[in-house]
Amino acid sequence: MEYKQPLPHSVLILVFGILSILTCCCYGVFGLLFGIVALVLANKSRKLYIENPGNYTGLSNVNTGRVLAIIGIILSSLYVLILAYVLIMIGPEALSEMQNEWLLQQRI
């Protein structure tokens, strides 16, 4: 019986895929970062698996992490676009005033 080793970074890819979705609303930056890193690692692991499919396990983690990373990248990109649109339409000064008003209301 031959021992199959797990694909490199298969669990990390899954975790980064999940984190890309969870952090997509942190100004989009963290979601994009986690998503892109997970996608790059997933592509490397998939190429390695295609070269020697009999030697590795954990392809399901890689595929799931890849799908989650793509979803996280899309959500983060949408968030960045919406944020940019809002900043362009109302201006940074108006956004700052809205935040200050909200903070004052929270203190009362």
PDB file of N, CA and C in Angstrom:
ATOM      1  N   MET A   1       0.829  -1.178   0.000  1.00  0.00           N
ATOM      2  CA  MET A   1       0.000   0.000   0.000  1.00  0.00           C
ATOM      3  C   MET A   1       0.880   1.250   0.000  1.00  0.00           C
ATOM      4  N   GLU A   2       0.564   2.145  -0.881  1.00  0.00           N
ATOM      5  CA  GLU A   2       1.356   3.352  -1.031  1.00  0.00           C
ATOM      6  C   GLU A   2       0.726   4.493  -0.238  1.00  0.00           C
ATOM      7  N   TYR A   3       1.554   5.223   0.488  1.00  0.00           N
ATOM      8  CA  TYR A   3       1.073   6.350   1.283  1.00  0.00           C
ATOM      9  C   TYR A   3       0.921   7.578   0.393  1.00  0.00           C
ATOM     10  N   LYS A   4      -0.246   8.188   0.455  1.00  0.00           N
ATOM     11  CA  LYS A   4      -0.487   9.420  -0.294  1.00  0.00           C
ATOM     12  C   LYS A   4      -0.342  10.598   0.664  1.00  0.00           C
ATOM     13  N   GLN A   5       0.418  11.559   0.264  1.00  0.00           N
ATOM     14  CA  GLN A   5       0.623  12.738   1.098  1.00  0.00           C
ATOM     15  C   GLN A   5      -0.388  13.818   0.724  1.00  0.00           C
ATOM     16  N   PRO A   6      -0.734  14.657   1.681  1.00  0.00           N
ATOM     17  CA  PRO A   6      -1.676  15.743   1.362  1.00  0.00           C
ATOM     18  C   PRO A   6      -1.020  16.779   0.452  1.00  0.00           C
ATOM     19  N   LEU A   7      -1.840  17.403  -0.353  1.00  0.00           N
ATOM     20  CA  LEU A   7      -1.326  18.468  -1.206  1.00  0.00           C
ATOM     21  C   LEU A   7      -0.769  19.599  -0.342  1.00  0.00           C
ATOM     22  N   PRO A   8       0.328  20.202  -0.768  1.00  0.00           N
ATOM     23  CA  PRO A   8       0.885  21.310   0.011  1.00  0.00           C
ATOM     24  C   PRO A   8      -0.112  22.461   0.131  1.00  0.00           C
ATOM     25  N   HIS A   9      -0.253  22.959   1.310  1.00  0.00           N
ATOM     26  CA  HIS A   9      -1.084  24.134   1.614  1.00  0.00           C
ATOM     27  C   HIS A   9      -2.581  23.906   1.397  1.00  0.00           C
ATOM     28  N   SER A  10      -3.050  22.657   1.346  1.00  0.00           N
ATOM     29  CA  SER A  10      -4.471  22.430   1.059  1.00  0.00           C
ATOM     30  C   SER A  10      -5.369  23.013   2.153  1.00  0.00           C
ATOM     31  N   VAL A  11      -4.984  22.875   3.406  1.00  0.00           N
ATOM     32  CA  VAL A  11      -5.786  23.429   4.498  1.00  0.00           C
ATOM     33  C   VAL A  11      -5.650  24.956   4.522  1.00  0.00           C
ATOM     34  N   LEU A  12      -4.460  25.462   4.257  1.00  0.00           N
ATOM     35  CA  LEU A  12      -4.240  26.909   4.221  1.00  0.00           C
ATOM     36  C   LEU A  12      -5.073  27.565   3.117  1.00  0.00           C
ATOM     37  N   ILE A  13      -5.173  26.903   1.979  1.00  0.00           N
ATOM     38  CA  ILE A  13      -5.985  27.423   0.875  1.00  0.00           C
ATOM     39  C   ILE A  13      -7.442  27.515   1.298  1.00  0.00           C
ATOM     40  N   LEU A  14      -7.925  26.490   1.977  1.00  0.00           N
ATOM     41  CA  LEU A  14      -9.315  26.491   2.449  1.00  0.00           C
ATOM     42  C   LEU A  14      -9.538  27.606   3.476  1.00  0.00           C
ATOM     43  N   VAL A  15      -8.621  27.760   4.403  1.00  0.00           N
ATOM     44  CA  VAL A  15      -8.745  28.804   5.433  1.00  0.00           C
ATOM     45  C   VAL A  15      -8.694  30.191   4.803  1.00  0.00           C
ATOM     46  N   PHE A  16      -7.770  30.409   3.874  1.00  0.00           N
ATOM     47  CA  PHE A  16      -7.682  31.714   3.207  1.00  0.00           C
ATOM     48  C   PHE A  16      -8.918  31.986   2.361  1.00  0.00           C
ATOM     49  N   GLY A  17      -9.492  30.956   1.748  1.00  0.00           N
ATOM     50  CA  GLY A  17     -10.729  31.137   0.995  1.00  0.00           C
ATOM     51  C   GLY A  17     -11.869  31.591   1.889  1.00  0.00           C
ATOM     52  N   ILE A  18     -11.969  30.986   3.058  1.00  0.00           N
ATOM     53  CA  ILE A  18     -12.995  31.379   4.030  1.00  0.00           C
ATOM     54  C   ILE A  18     -12.735  32.799   4.523  1.00  0.00           C
ATOM     55  N   LEU A  19     -11.477  33.103   4.841  1.00  0.00           N
ATOM     56  CA  LEU A  19     -11.136  34.446   5.324  1.00  0.00           C
ATOM     57  C   LEU A  19     -11.380  35.521   4.266  1.00  0.00           C
ATOM     58  N   SER A  20     -11.229  35.162   3.000  1.00  0.00           N
ATOM     59  CA  SER A  20     -11.469  36.153   1.949  1.00  0.00           C
ATOM     60  C   SER A  20     -12.928  36.579   1.919  1.00  0.00           C
ATOM     61  N   ILE A  21     -13.832  35.656   2.245  1.00  0.00           N
ATOM     62  CA  ILE A  21     -15.250  36.005   2.298  1.00  0.00           C
ATOM     63  C   ILE A  21     -15.556  36.764   3.589  1.00  0.00           C
ATOM     64  N   LEU A  22     -15.008  36.308   4.691  1.00  0.00           N
ATOM     65  CA  LEU A  22     -15.293  36.946   5.977  1.00  0.00           C
ATOM     66  C   LEU A  22     -14.745  38.370   6.067  1.00  0.00           C
ATOM     67  N   THR A  23     -13.664  38.655   5.364  1.00  0.00           N
ATOM     68  CA  THR A  23     -13.039  39.974   5.468  1.00  0.00           C
ATOM     69  C   THR A  23     -13.287  40.842   4.236  1.00  0.00           C
ATOM     70  N   CYS A  24     -14.250  40.468   3.411  1.00  0.00           N
ATOM     71  CA  CYS A  24     -14.483  41.239   2.179  1.00  0.00           C
ATOM     72  C   CYS A  24     -14.991  42.646   2.468  1.00  0.00           C
ATOM     73  N   CYS A  25     -15.574  42.890   3.622  1.00  0.00           N
ATOM     74  CA  CYS A  25     -16.090  44.222   3.945  1.00  0.00           C
ATOM     75  C   CYS A  25     -15.099  45.063   4.741  1.00  0.00           C
ATOM     76  N   CYS A  26     -13.894  44.615   4.887  1.00  0.00           N
ATOM     77  CA  CYS A  26     -12.855  45.403   5.556  1.00  0.00           C
ATOM     78  C   CYS A  26     -12.163  46.262   4.508  1.00  0.00           C
ATOM     79  N   TYR A  27     -12.942  47.189   3.933  1.00  0.00           N
ATOM     80  CA  TYR A  27     -12.510  48.062   2.851  1.00  0.00           C
ATOM     81  C   TYR A  27     -12.050  47.281   1.628  1.00  0.00           C
ATOM     82  N   GLY A  28     -12.360  45.989   1.563  1.00  0.00           N
ATOM     83  CA  GLY A  28     -12.043  45.173   0.410  1.00  0.00           C
ATOM     84  C   GLY A  28     -10.608  44.703   0.334  1.00  0.00           C
ATOM     85  N   VAL A  29      -9.733  45.313   1.094  1.00  0.00           N
ATOM     86  CA  VAL A  29      -8.303  45.028   0.977  1.00  0.00           C
ATOM     87  C   VAL A  29      -7.964  43.633   1.487  1.00  0.00           C
ATOM     88  N   PHE A  30      -8.435  43.299   2.676  1.00  0.00           N
ATOM     89  CA  PHE A  30      -8.081  42.004   3.260  1.00  0.00           C
ATOM     90  C   PHE A  30      -8.720  40.857   2.492  1.00  0.00           C
ATOM     91  N   GLY A  31      -9.952  41.058   2.051  1.00  0.00           N
ATOM     92  CA  GLY A  31     -10.614  40.029   1.258  1.00  0.00           C
ATOM     93  C   GLY A  31      -9.875  39.762  -0.036  1.00  0.00           C
ATOM     94  N   LEU A  32      -9.442  40.832  -0.698  1.00  0.00           N
ATOM     95  CA  LEU A  32      -8.663  40.664  -1.931  1.00  0.00           C
ATOM     96  C   LEU A  32      -7.332  39.980  -1.660  1.00  0.00           C
ATOM     97  N   LEU A  33      -6.679  40.383  -0.586  1.00  0.00           N
ATOM     98  CA  LEU A  33      -5.379  39.802  -0.246  1.00  0.00           C
ATOM     99  C   LEU A  33      -5.495  38.299   0.011  1.00  0.00           C
ATOM    100  N   PHE A  34      -6.409  37.916   0.902  1.00  0.00           N
ATOM    101  CA  PHE A  34      -6.579  36.492   1.205  1.00  0.00           C
ATOM    102  C   PHE A  34      -7.030  35.713  -0.028  1.00  0.00           C
ATOM    103  N   GLY A  35      -7.928  36.296  -0.807  1.00  0.00           N
ATOM    104  CA  GLY A  35      -8.442  35.613  -1.990  1.00  0.00           C
ATOM    105  C   GLY A  35      -7.380  35.380  -3.041  1.00  0.00           C
ATOM    106  N   ILE A  36      -6.569  36.391  -3.300  1.00  0.00           N
ATOM    107  CA  ILE A  36      -5.524  36.257  -4.323  1.00  0.00           C
ATOM    108  C   ILE A  36      -4.470  35.250  -3.889  1.00  0.00           C
ATOM    109  N   VAL A  37      -4.069  35.305  -2.629  1.00  0.00           N
ATOM    110  CA  VAL A  37      -3.072  34.341  -2.135  1.00  0.00           C
ATOM    111  C   VAL A  37      -3.627  32.914  -2.221  1.00  0.00           C
ATOM    112  N   ALA A  38      -4.887  32.734  -1.817  1.00  0.00           N
ATOM    113  CA  ALA A  38      -5.499  31.400  -1.888  1.00  0.00           C
ATOM    114  C   ALA A  38      -5.596  30.920  -3.323  1.00  0.00           C
ATOM    115  N   LEU A  39      -5.922  31.802  -4.241  1.00  0.00           N
ATOM    116  CA  LEU A  39      -6.054  31.425  -5.646  1.00  0.00           C
ATOM    117  C   LEU A  39      -4.708  31.024  -6.251  1.00  0.00           C
ATOM    118  N   VAL A  40      -3.665  31.765  -5.926  1.00  0.00           N
ATOM    119  CA  VAL A  40      -2.326  31.429  -6.439  1.00  0.00           C
ATOM    120  C   VAL A  40      -1.867  30.084  -5.882  1.00  0.00           C
ATOM    121  N   LEU A  41      -2.046  29.879  -4.576  1.00  0.00           N
ATOM    122  CA  LEU A  41      -1.644  28.612  -3.972  1.00  0.00           C
ATOM    123  C   LEU A  41      -2.475  27.446  -4.516  1.00  0.00           C
ATOM    124  N   ALA A  42      -3.759  27.681  -4.749  1.00  0.00           N
ATOM    125  CA  ALA A  42      -4.627  26.628  -5.282  1.00  0.00           C
ATOM    126  C   ALA A  42      -4.205  26.232  -6.686  1.00  0.00           C
ATOM    127  N   ASN A  43      -3.852  27.197  -7.503  1.00  0.00           N
ATOM    128  CA  ASN A  43      -3.409  26.875  -8.866  1.00  0.00           C
ATOM    129  C   ASN A  43      -2.113  26.072  -8.855  1.00  0.00           C
ATOM    130  N   LYS A  44      -1.202  26.412  -7.950  1.00  0.00           N
ATOM    131  CA  LYS A  44       0.046  25.642  -7.843  1.00  0.00           C
ATOM    132  C   LYS A  44      -0.232  24.220  -7.376  1.00  0.00           C
ATOM    133  N   SER A  45      -1.127  24.076  -6.392  1.00  0.00           N
ATOM    134  CA  SER A  45      -1.440  22.738  -5.873  1.00  0.00           C
ATOM    135  C   SER A  45      -2.185  21.901  -6.910  1.00  0.00           C
ATOM    136  N   ARG A  46      -3.063  22.513  -7.674  1.00  0.00           N
ATOM    137  CA  ARG A  46      -3.786  21.777  -8.714  1.00  0.00           C
ATOM    138  C   ARG A  46      -2.833  21.293  -9.796  1.00  0.00           C
ATOM    139  N   LYS A  47      -1.850  22.123 -10.179  1.00  0.00           N
ATOM    140  CA  LYS A  47      -0.859  21.689 -11.176  1.00  0.00           C
ATOM    141  C   LYS A  47      -0.045  20.511 -10.650  1.00  0.00           C
ATOM    142  N   LEU A  48       0.314  20.577  -9.386  1.00  0.00           N
ATOM    143  CA  LEU A  48       1.063  19.488  -8.771  1.00  0.00           C
ATOM    144  C   LEU A  48       0.240  18.202  -8.757  1.00  0.00           C
ATOM    145  N   TYR A  49      -1.052  18.327  -8.459  1.00  0.00           N
ATOM    146  CA  TYR A  49      -1.927  17.158  -8.432  1.00  0.00           C
ATOM    147  C   TYR A  49      -2.100  16.572  -9.837  1.00  0.00           C
ATOM    148  N   ILE A  50      -2.222  17.420 -10.833  1.00  0.00           N
ATOM    149  CA  ILE A  50      -2.401  16.934 -12.211  1.00  0.00           C
ATOM    150  C   ILE A  50      -1.169  16.172 -12.685  1.00  0.00           C
ATOM    151  N   GLU A  51       0.012  16.599 -12.253  1.00  0.00           N
ATOM    152  CA  GLU A  51       1.247  15.916 -12.639  1.00  0.00           C
ATOM    153  C   GLU A  51       1.336  14.517 -12.041  1.00  0.00           C
ATOM    154  N   ASN A  52       0.918  14.354 -10.775  1.00  0.00           N
ATOM    155  CA  ASN A  52       0.993  13.070 -10.079  1.00  0.00           C
ATOM    156  C   ASN A  52      -0.268  12.840  -9.253  1.00  0.00           C
ATOM    157  N   PRO A  53      -1.390  12.495  -9.869  1.00  0.00           N
ATOM    158  CA  PRO A  53      -2.635  12.368  -9.100  1.00  0.00           C
ATOM    159  C   PRO A  53      -2.628  11.222  -8.095  1.00  0.00           C
ATOM    160  N   GLY A  54      -1.812  10.224  -8.311  1.00  0.00           N
ATOM    161  CA  GLY A  54      -1.777   9.090  -7.403  1.00  0.00           C
ATOM    162  C   GLY A  54      -0.995   9.338  -6.130  1.00  0.00           C
ATOM    163  N   ASN A  55      -0.252  10.420  -6.071  1.00  0.00           N
ATOM    164  CA  ASN A  55       0.615  10.677  -4.924  1.00  0.00           C
ATOM    165  C   ASN A  55      -0.001  11.588  -3.869  1.00  0.00           C
ATOM    166  N   TYR A  56      -1.119  12.247  -4.196  1.00  0.00           N
ATOM    167  CA  TYR A  56      -1.640  13.286  -3.303  1.00  0.00           C
ATOM    168  C   TYR A  56      -3.113  13.089  -2.960  1.00  0.00           C
ATOM    169  N   THR A  57      -3.463  13.600  -1.783  1.00  0.00           N
ATOM    170  CA  THR A  57      -4.855  13.688  -1.365  1.00  0.00           C
ATOM    171  C   THR A  57      -5.149  15.149  -1.026  1.00  0.00           C
ATOM    172  N   GLY A  58      -6.393  15.467  -0.779  1.00  0.00           N
ATOM    173  CA  GLY A  58      -6.749  16.818  -0.349  1.00  0.00           C
ATOM    174  C   GLY A  58      -7.148  17.738  -1.480  1.00  0.00           C
ATOM    175  N   LEU A  59      -7.453  17.175  -2.654  1.00  0.00           N
ATOM    176  CA  LEU A  59      -7.861  18.016  -3.771  1.00  0.00           C
ATOM    177  C   LEU A  59      -9.196  18.695  -3.487  1.00  0.00           C
ATOM    178  N   SER A  60     -10.052  18.060  -2.692  1.00  0.00           N
ATOM    179  CA  SER A  60     -11.351  18.681  -2.386  1.00  0.00           C
ATOM    180  C   SER A  60     -11.160  19.966  -1.566  1.00  0.00           C
ATOM    181  N   ASN A  61     -10.208  19.969  -0.639  1.00  0.00           N
ATOM    182  CA  ASN A  61      -9.914  21.192   0.116  1.00  0.00           C
ATOM    183  C   ASN A  61      -9.410  22.293  -0.809  1.00  0.00           C
ATOM    184  N   VAL A  62      -8.565  21.930  -1.739  1.00  0.00           N
ATOM    185  CA  VAL A  62      -8.006  22.901  -2.674  1.00  0.00           C
ATOM    186  C   VAL A  62      -9.111  23.476  -3.557  1.00  0.00           C
ATOM    187  N   ASN A  63      -9.970  22.604  -4.095  1.00  0.00           N
ATOM    188  CA  ASN A  63     -11.055  23.077  -4.963  1.00  0.00           C
ATOM    189  C   ASN A  63     -12.053  23.949  -4.205  1.00  0.00           C
ATOM    190  N   THR A  64     -12.400  23.540  -2.988  1.00  0.00           N
ATOM    191  CA  THR A  64     -13.329  24.326  -2.182  1.00  0.00           C
ATOM    192  C   THR A  64     -12.720  25.676  -1.830  1.00  0.00           C
ATOM    193  N   GLY A  65     -11.464  25.693  -1.420  1.00  0.00           N
ATOM    194  CA  GLY A  65     -10.780  26.936  -1.108  1.00  0.00           C
ATOM    195  C   GLY A  65     -10.672  27.840  -2.318  1.00  0.00           C
ATOM    196  N   ARG A  66     -10.467  27.245  -3.485  1.00  0.00           N
ATOM    197  CA  ARG A  66     -10.382  28.021  -4.726  1.00  0.00           C
ATOM    198  C   ARG A  66     -11.710  28.699  -5.042  1.00  0.00           C
ATOM    199  N   VAL A  67     -12.798  27.960  -4.918  1.00  0.00           N
ATOM    200  CA  VAL A  67     -14.125  28.530  -5.177  1.00  0.00           C
ATOM    201  C   VAL A  67     -14.427  29.642  -4.172  1.00  0.00           C
ATOM    202  N   LEU A  68     -14.130  29.398  -2.899  1.00  0.00           N
ATOM    203  CA  LEU A  68     -14.361  30.426  -1.881  1.00  0.00           C
ATOM    204  C   LEU A  68     -13.504  31.657  -2.129  1.00  0.00           C
ATOM    205  N   ALA A  69     -12.273  31.454  -2.588  1.00  0.00           N
ATOM    206  CA  ALA A  69     -11.392  32.584  -2.885  1.00  0.00           C
ATOM    207  C   ALA A  69     -11.950  33.409  -4.039  1.00  0.00           C
ATOM    208  N   ILE A  70     -12.475  32.744  -5.059  1.00  0.00           N
ATOM    209  CA  ILE A  70     -13.058  33.473  -6.191  1.00  0.00           C
ATOM    210  C   ILE A  70     -14.261  34.284  -5.722  1.00  0.00           C
ATOM    211  N   ILE A  71     -15.103  33.682  -4.897  1.00  0.00           N
ATOM    212  CA  ILE A  71     -16.260  34.398  -4.354  1.00  0.00           C
ATOM    213  C   ILE A  71     -15.800  35.586  -3.506  1.00  0.00           C
ATOM    214  N   GLY A  72     -14.788  35.372  -2.666  1.00  0.00           N
ATOM    215  CA  GLY A  72     -14.258  36.457  -1.834  1.00  0.00           C
ATOM    216  C   GLY A  72     -13.664  37.584  -2.655  1.00  0.00           C
ATOM    217  N   ILE A  73     -12.978  37.247  -3.749  1.00  0.00           N
ATOM    218  CA  ILE A  73     -12.403  38.274  -4.621  1.00  0.00           C
ATOM    219  C   ILE A  73     -13.517  39.080  -5.278  1.00  0.00           C
ATOM    220  N   ILE A  74     -14.566  38.407  -5.724  1.00  0.00           N
ATOM    221  CA  ILE A  74     -15.686  39.105  -6.364  1.00  0.00           C
ATOM    222  C   ILE A  74     -16.374  40.030  -5.361  1.00  0.00           C
ATOM    223  N   LEU A  75     -16.652  39.516  -4.152  1.00  0.00           N
ATOM    224  CA  LEU A  75     -17.305  40.352  -3.138  1.00  0.00           C
ATOM    225  C   LEU A  75     -16.440  41.540  -2.734  1.00  0.00           C
ATOM    226  N   SER A  76     -15.148  41.300  -2.574  1.00  0.00           N
ATOM    227  CA  SER A  76     -14.233  42.385  -2.198  1.00  0.00           C
ATOM    228  C   SER A  76     -14.142  43.437  -3.300  1.00  0.00           C
ATOM    229  N   SER A  77     -14.105  42.978  -4.541  1.00  0.00           N
ATOM    230  CA  SER A  77     -14.052  43.908  -5.665  1.00  0.00           C
ATOM    231  C   SER A  77     -15.318  44.754  -5.731  1.00  0.00           C
ATOM    232  N   LEU A  78     -16.461  44.110  -5.532  1.00  0.00           N
ATOM    233  CA  LEU A  78     -17.719  44.863  -5.518  1.00  0.00           C
ATOM    234  C   LEU A  78     -17.729  45.889  -4.395  1.00  0.00           C
ATOM    235  N   TYR A  79     -17.237  45.498  -3.225  1.00  0.00           N
ATOM    236  CA  TYR A  79     -17.184  46.425  -2.095  1.00  0.00           C
ATOM    237  C   TYR A  79     -16.289  47.619  -2.417  1.00  0.00           C
ATOM    238  N   VAL A  80     -15.136  47.369  -3.017  1.00  0.00           N
ATOM    239  CA  VAL A  80     -14.225  48.458  -3.377  1.00  0.00           C
ATOM    240  C   VAL A  80     -14.885  49.383  -4.397  1.00  0.00           C
ATOM    241  N   LEU A  81     -15.557  48.812  -5.389  1.00  0.00           N
ATOM    242  CA  LEU A  81     -16.229  49.629  -6.402  1.00  0.00           C
ATOM    243  C   LEU A  81     -17.342  50.478  -5.796  1.00  0.00           C
ATOM    244  N   ILE A  82     -18.135  49.880  -4.914  1.00  0.00           N
ATOM    245  CA  ILE A  82     -19.214  50.628  -4.263  1.00  0.00           C
ATOM    246  C   ILE A  82     -18.638  51.728  -3.378  1.00  0.00           C
ATOM    247  N   LEU A  83     -17.601  51.424  -2.636  1.00  0.00           N
ATOM    248  CA  LEU A  83     -16.960  52.421  -1.788  1.00  0.00           C
ATOM    249  C   LEU A  83     -16.385  53.562  -2.613  1.00  0.00           C
ATOM    250  N   ALA A  84     -15.748  53.238  -3.718  1.00  0.00           N
ATOM    251  CA  ALA A  84     -15.206  54.283  -4.595  1.00  0.00           C
ATOM    252  C   ALA A  84     -16.334  55.133  -5.166  1.00  0.00           C
ATOM    253  N   TYR A  85     -17.423  54.507  -5.566  1.00  0.00           N
ATOM    254  CA  TYR A  85     -18.561  55.244  -6.106  1.00  0.00           C
ATOM    255  C   TYR A  85     -19.133  56.201  -5.057  1.00  0.00           C
ATOM    256  N   VAL A  86     -19.296  55.713  -3.840  1.00  0.00           N
ATOM    257  CA  VAL A  86     -19.840  56.557  -2.771  1.00  0.00           C
ATOM    258  C   VAL A  86     -18.904  57.721  -2.487  1.00  0.00           C
ATOM    259  N   LEU A  87     -17.611  57.447  -2.424  1.00  0.00           N
ATOM    260  CA  LEU A  87     -16.654  58.526  -2.165  1.00  0.00           C
ATOM    261  C   LEU A  87     -16.647  59.564  -3.282  1.00  0.00           C
ATOM    262  N   ILE A  88     -16.788  59.118  -4.506  1.00  0.00           N
ATOM    263  CA  ILE A  88     -16.814  60.052  -5.627  1.00  0.00           C
ATOM    264  C   ILE A  88     -18.097  60.874  -5.615  1.00  0.00           C
ATOM    265  N   MET A  89     -19.225  60.231  -5.304  1.00  0.00           N
ATOM    266  CA  MET A  89     -20.510  60.919  -5.372  1.00  0.00           C
ATOM    267  C   MET A  89     -20.723  61.901  -4.217  1.00  0.00           C
ATOM    268  N   ILE A  90     -20.380  61.505  -2.992  1.00  0.00           N
ATOM    269  CA  ILE A  90     -20.646  62.399  -1.858  1.00  0.00           C
ATOM    270  C   ILE A  90     -19.400  63.126  -1.379  1.00  0.00           C
ATOM    271  N   GLY A  91     -18.257  62.648  -1.757  1.00  0.00           N
ATOM    272  CA  GLY A  91     -17.013  63.296  -1.359  1.00  0.00           C
ATOM    273  C   GLY A  91     -16.555  62.831   0.011  1.00  0.00           C
ATOM    274  N   PRO A  92     -15.260  62.841   0.240  1.00  0.00           N
ATOM    275  CA  PRO A  92     -14.715  62.376   1.513  1.00  0.00           C
ATOM    276  C   PRO A  92     -15.105  63.256   2.694  1.00  0.00           C
ATOM    277  N   GLU A  93     -15.321  64.555   2.442  1.00  0.00           N
ATOM    278  CA  GLU A  93     -15.693  65.453   3.538  1.00  0.00           C
ATOM    279  C   GLU A  93     -17.076  65.103   4.075  1.00  0.00           C
ATOM    280  N   ALA A  94     -18.006  64.842   3.169  1.00  0.00           N
ATOM    281  CA  ALA A  94     -19.361  64.489   3.589  1.00  0.00           C
ATOM    282  C   ALA A  94     -19.364  63.158   4.336  1.00  0.00           C
ATOM    283  N   LEU A  95     -18.551  62.226   3.876  1.00  0.00           N
ATOM    284  CA  LEU A  95     -18.461  60.936   4.563  1.00  0.00           C
ATOM    285  C   LEU A  95     -17.888  61.109   5.960  1.00  0.00           C
ATOM    286  N   SER A  96     -16.887  61.969   6.109  1.00  0.00           N
ATOM    287  CA  SER A  96     -16.301  62.244   7.411  1.00  0.00           C
ATOM    288  C   SER A  96     -17.315  62.895   8.346  1.00  0.00           C
ATOM    289  N   GLU A  97     -18.105  63.816   7.809  1.00  0.00           N
ATOM    290  CA  GLU A  97     -19.150  64.452   8.614  1.00  0.00           C
ATOM    291  C   GLU A  97     -20.196  63.440   9.062  1.00  0.00           C
ATOM    292  N   MET A  98     -20.565  62.539   8.167  1.00  0.00           N
ATOM    293  CA  MET A  98     -21.550  61.503   8.529  1.00  0.00           C
ATOM    294  C   MET A  98     -21.017  60.610   9.641  1.00  0.00           C
ATOM    295  N   GLN A  99     -19.739  60.267   9.573  1.00  0.00           N
ATOM    296  CA  GLN A  99     -19.139  59.444  10.615  1.00  0.00           C
ATOM    297  C   GLN A  99     -19.101  60.185  11.941  1.00  0.00           C
ATOM    298  N   ASN A 100     -18.761  61.461  11.917  1.00  0.00           N
ATOM    299  CA  ASN A 100     -18.727  62.255  13.148  1.00  0.00           C
ATOM    300  C   ASN A 100     -20.109  62.364  13.774  1.00  0.00           C
ATOM    301  N   GLU A 101     -21.125  62.586  12.961  1.00  0.00           N
ATOM    302  CA  GLU A 101     -22.494  62.646  13.472  1.00  0.00           C
ATOM    303  C   GLU A 101     -22.909  61.324  14.090  1.00  0.00           C
ATOM    304  N   TRP A 102     -22.538  60.240  13.440  1.00  0.00           N
ATOM    305  CA  TRP A 102     -22.877  58.918  13.967  1.00  0.00           C
ATOM    306  C   TRP A 102     -22.202  58.688  15.316  1.00  0.00           C
ATOM    307  N   LEU A 103     -20.934  59.094  15.424  1.00  0.00           N
ATOM    308  CA  LEU A 103     -20.206  58.935  16.691  1.00  0.00           C
ATOM    309  C   LEU A 103     -20.831  59.774  17.795  1.00  0.00           C
ATOM    310  N   LEU A 104     -21.262  60.988  17.456  1.00  0.00           N
ATOM    311  CA  LEU A 104     -21.926  61.831  18.454  1.00  0.00           C
ATOM    312  C   LEU A 104     -23.238  61.210  18.917  1.00  0.00           C
ATOM    313  N   GLN A 105     -23.967  60.617  18.034  1.00  0.00           N
ATOM    314  CA  GLN A 105     -25.220  59.960  18.406  1.00  0.00           C
ATOM    315  C   GLN A 105     -24.979  58.747  19.281  1.00  0.00           C
ATOM    316  N   GLN A 106     -23.861  58.068  19.088  1.00  0.00           N
ATOM    317  CA  GLN A 106     -23.551  56.889  19.888  1.00  0.00           C
ATOM    318  C   GLN A 106     -23.202  57.266  21.324  1.00  0.00           C
ATOM    319  N   ARG A 107     -22.696  58.448  21.541  1.00  0.00           N
ATOM    320  CA  ARG A 107     -22.314  58.892  22.889  1.00  0.00           C
ATOM    321  C   ARG A 107     -23.525  59.289  23.711  1.00  0.00           C
ATOM    322  N   ILE A 108     -24.591  59.697  23.062  1.00  0.00           N
ATOM    323  CA  ILE A 108     -25.781  60.170  23.773  1.00  0.00           C
ATOM    324  C   ILE A 108     -26.560  59.033  24.352  1.00  0.00           C
TER     325      ILE A 108
END
